[in-house]
N, C-alpha and C. Protein backbone atom coordinates (compact mmCIF):
# COMPACT_ATOMS: atom_id res chain seq x y z
N MET A 1 18.66 12.89 -9.93
CA MET A 1 17.95 13.48 -9.27
C MET A 1 18.05 14.48 -10.87
N ASN A 2 16.36 14.92 -11.22
CA ASN A 2 16.03 16.20 -12.11
C ASN A 2 16.88 15.17 -13.76
N HIS A 3 16.79 14.15 -13.65
CA HIS A 3 17.70 13.13 -14.86
C HIS A 3 18.81 13.61 -15.31
N ASP A 4 19.72 14.39 -14.68
CA ASP A 4 21.35 14.72 -14.86
C ASP A 4 21.98 13.91 -13.74
N LYS A 5 21.91 13.84 -12.89
CA LYS A 5 22.98 13.06 -11.97
C LYS A 5 22.53 11.78 -11.23
N ILE A 6 23.37 10.83 -10.56
CA ILE A 6 23.22 10.21 -9.99
C ILE A 6 24.20 10.08 -8.77
N TYR A 7 23.59 9.72 -7.93
CA TYR A 7 23.94 9.60 -6.15
C TYR A 7 23.83 8.09 -5.87
N GLU A 8 24.29 7.85 -4.85
CA GLU A 8 24.63 6.76 -4.20
C GLU A 8 24.09 6.37 -2.67
N ALA A 9 22.91 5.71 -2.53
CA ALA A 9 22.74 5.98 -1.20
C ALA A 9 23.42 4.59 -0.39
N PHE A 10 23.75 4.74 0.93
CA PHE A 10 24.47 4.25 1.74
C PHE A 10 23.41 2.91 2.79
N PRO A 11 24.14 1.88 2.74
CA PRO A 11 22.14 0.82 4.02
C PRO A 11 22.83 1.48 4.97
N MET A 12 21.60 1.35 5.58
CA MET A 12 21.75 2.07 7.06
C MET A 12 20.33 1.34 7.64
N ASP A 13 20.57 1.02 9.15
CA ASP A 13 19.68 0.60 9.86
C ASP A 13 18.30 1.51 9.81
N VAL A 14 17.48 1.16 10.29
CA VAL A 14 16.10 1.86 10.36
C VAL A 14 15.41 1.55 11.01
N SER A 15 14.47 2.28 12.05
CA SER A 15 13.48 2.10 13.21
C SER A 15 12.38 1.65 12.15
N THR A 16 11.63 0.51 12.63
CA THR A 16 10.23 0.23 12.14
C THR A 16 9.40 1.03 13.10
N GLU A 17 7.75 0.79 12.83
CA GLU A 17 6.64 1.26 13.16
C GLU A 17 6.71 0.56 14.95
N ASP A 18 7.26 -0.80 14.90
CA ASP A 18 6.85 -1.52 16.18
C ASP A 18 8.53 -1.79 16.86
N GLY A 19 8.90 -0.37 16.72
CA GLY A 19 10.31 -0.07 17.38
C GLY A 19 11.25 -1.31 17.26
N LYS A 20 11.12 -2.10 16.23
CA LYS A 20 12.26 -2.87 15.68
C LYS A 20 13.02 -2.45 14.81
N THR A 21 14.47 -2.78 14.65
CA THR A 21 15.09 -2.44 13.62
C THR A 21 15.65 -3.31 12.22
N ASP A 22 15.35 -2.53 11.02
CA ASP A 22 15.27 -3.15 10.11
C ASP A 22 16.72 -2.55 9.59
N SER A 23 17.45 -3.41 9.28
CA SER A 23 18.87 -3.29 8.49
C SER A 23 18.92 -3.49 6.96
N SER A 24 17.46 -3.05 6.15
CA SER A 24 17.53 -3.12 5.05
C SER A 24 17.35 -1.29 4.51
N GLY A 25 17.46 -1.02 4.95
CA GLY A 25 17.00 0.65 4.98
C GLY A 25 18.60 1.12 4.39
N PHE A 26 18.05 2.50 3.26
CA PHE A 26 19.27 3.09 2.79
C PHE A 26 19.37 4.43 3.23
N CYS A 27 20.21 5.34 2.94
CA CYS A 27 19.83 6.66 3.51
C CYS A 27 21.08 7.20 2.37
N LEU A 28 20.44 8.46 1.70
CA LEU A 28 21.19 9.47 0.53
C LEU A 28 21.09 10.78 1.57
N TYR A 29 22.23 11.42 1.63
CA TYR A 29 22.18 13.26 2.07
C TYR A 29 22.11 14.25 0.83
N LEU A 30 21.00 14.69 0.65
CA LEU A 30 22.13 15.51 -0.71
C LEU A 30 22.04 16.86 -0.03
N ASP A 31 22.80 17.93 -0.62
CA ASP A 31 23.25 18.94 0.34
C ASP A 31 22.40 20.10 -0.63
N ARG A 32 21.64 21.10 0.02
CA ARG A 32 20.27 21.91 -0.49
C ARG A 32 20.90 22.94 -1.83
N SER A 33 22.68 23.37 -1.55
CA SER A 33 23.11 23.76 -2.96
C SER A 33 22.86 23.12 -4.22
N LEU A 34 22.73 21.60 -4.24
CA LEU A 34 22.58 20.58 -5.39
C LEU A 34 21.10 20.59 -6.17
N LEU A 35 20.10 21.42 -5.33
CA LEU A 35 18.67 21.12 -5.28
C LEU A 35 18.41 22.66 -6.28
N ALA A 36 17.90 22.36 -7.21
CA ALA A 36 16.82 23.46 -7.92
C ALA A 36 15.81 24.34 -7.24
N ALA A 37 15.80 25.47 -7.57
CA ALA A 37 15.24 26.35 -7.15
C ALA A 37 13.58 25.91 -7.24
N ASP A 38 13.19 25.46 -8.36
CA ASP A 38 11.93 25.33 -8.91
C ASP A 38 11.60 23.97 -8.96
N GLY A 39 11.75 23.05 -7.98
CA GLY A 39 11.45 21.91 -7.97
C GLY A 39 12.32 20.60 -8.39
N ASN A 40 12.41 19.51 -8.30
CA ASN A 40 13.31 18.41 -8.49
C ASN A 40 12.54 17.02 -8.43
N GLN A 41 12.96 16.51 -9.35
CA GLN A 41 12.33 15.21 -9.49
C GLN A 41 13.56 14.34 -9.00
N ILE A 42 13.04 13.24 -8.34
CA ILE A 42 13.76 12.17 -7.58
C ILE A 42 13.68 11.04 -8.08
N GLU A 43 14.17 10.33 -8.61
CA GLU A 43 13.77 8.70 -9.38
C GLU A 43 14.79 8.00 -8.62
N ILE A 44 14.11 6.95 -7.97
CA ILE A 44 14.79 5.98 -7.06
C ILE A 44 15.22 4.51 -8.11
N PHE A 45 16.17 3.93 -8.18
CA PHE A 45 16.70 3.36 -9.14
C PHE A 45 17.36 2.24 -8.25
N THR A 46 17.39 0.57 -8.70
CA THR A 46 18.54 -0.44 -8.16
C THR A 46 19.00 -0.95 -9.07
N ASP A 47 20.06 -1.49 -8.82
CA ASP A 47 21.18 -2.13 -9.70
C ASP A 47 21.18 -3.74 -9.96
N ASN A 48 21.33 -4.28 -11.01
CA ASN A 48 21.47 -5.47 -10.80
C ASN A 48 22.43 -5.91 -12.03
N LYS A 49 23.54 -5.80 -11.90
CA LYS A 49 24.64 -6.08 -12.74
C LYS A 49 24.89 -5.21 -13.91
N ASP A 50 24.30 -5.29 -15.02
CA ASP A 50 24.26 -4.47 -15.89
C ASP A 50 23.24 -3.68 -16.31
N SER A 51 21.94 -3.74 -15.42
CA SER A 51 20.77 -2.73 -15.76
C SER A 51 20.71 -2.61 -14.76
N ALA A 52 20.28 -1.28 -14.36
CA ALA A 52 19.01 -0.39 -13.64
C ALA A 52 17.51 -0.50 -14.03
N ARG A 53 16.76 -0.30 -12.87
CA ARG A 53 15.35 -0.33 -12.90
C ARG A 53 14.79 0.56 -11.91
N ILE A 54 13.91 1.73 -12.40
CA ILE A 54 13.27 2.42 -11.64
C ILE A 54 12.38 1.73 -10.61
N ILE A 55 12.47 2.09 -9.09
CA ILE A 55 11.47 1.32 -8.29
C ILE A 55 10.65 2.43 -7.76
N GLY A 56 11.20 3.84 -7.99
CA GLY A 56 9.89 4.56 -7.04
C GLY A 56 10.57 6.31 -7.36
N GLY A 57 10.02 7.40 -7.21
CA GLY A 57 10.07 8.57 -7.57
C GLY A 57 9.47 9.42 -6.88
N LEU A 58 9.62 10.63 -6.58
CA LEU A 58 9.36 11.82 -5.84
C LEU A 58 9.38 12.84 -6.54
N THR A 59 8.80 14.43 -6.05
CA THR A 59 8.98 15.73 -6.52
C THR A 59 9.22 16.22 -4.97
N LEU A 60 10.74 17.26 -5.06
CA LEU A 60 10.75 17.79 -4.11
C LEU A 60 10.17 19.57 -4.79
């Protein structure tokens, strides 16, 4: 987050649009006090042994 900190998301079941359950979801809760007042850059990484890869991102 903001090119400064890394937080771990945890596996979570999610509901799909057709009402089924998908067990491949992840969830991350961030306390508002961790967010900057003027915008936050969030990048989503996957980890594979020795390397990480950015798979998405958003600005809050």
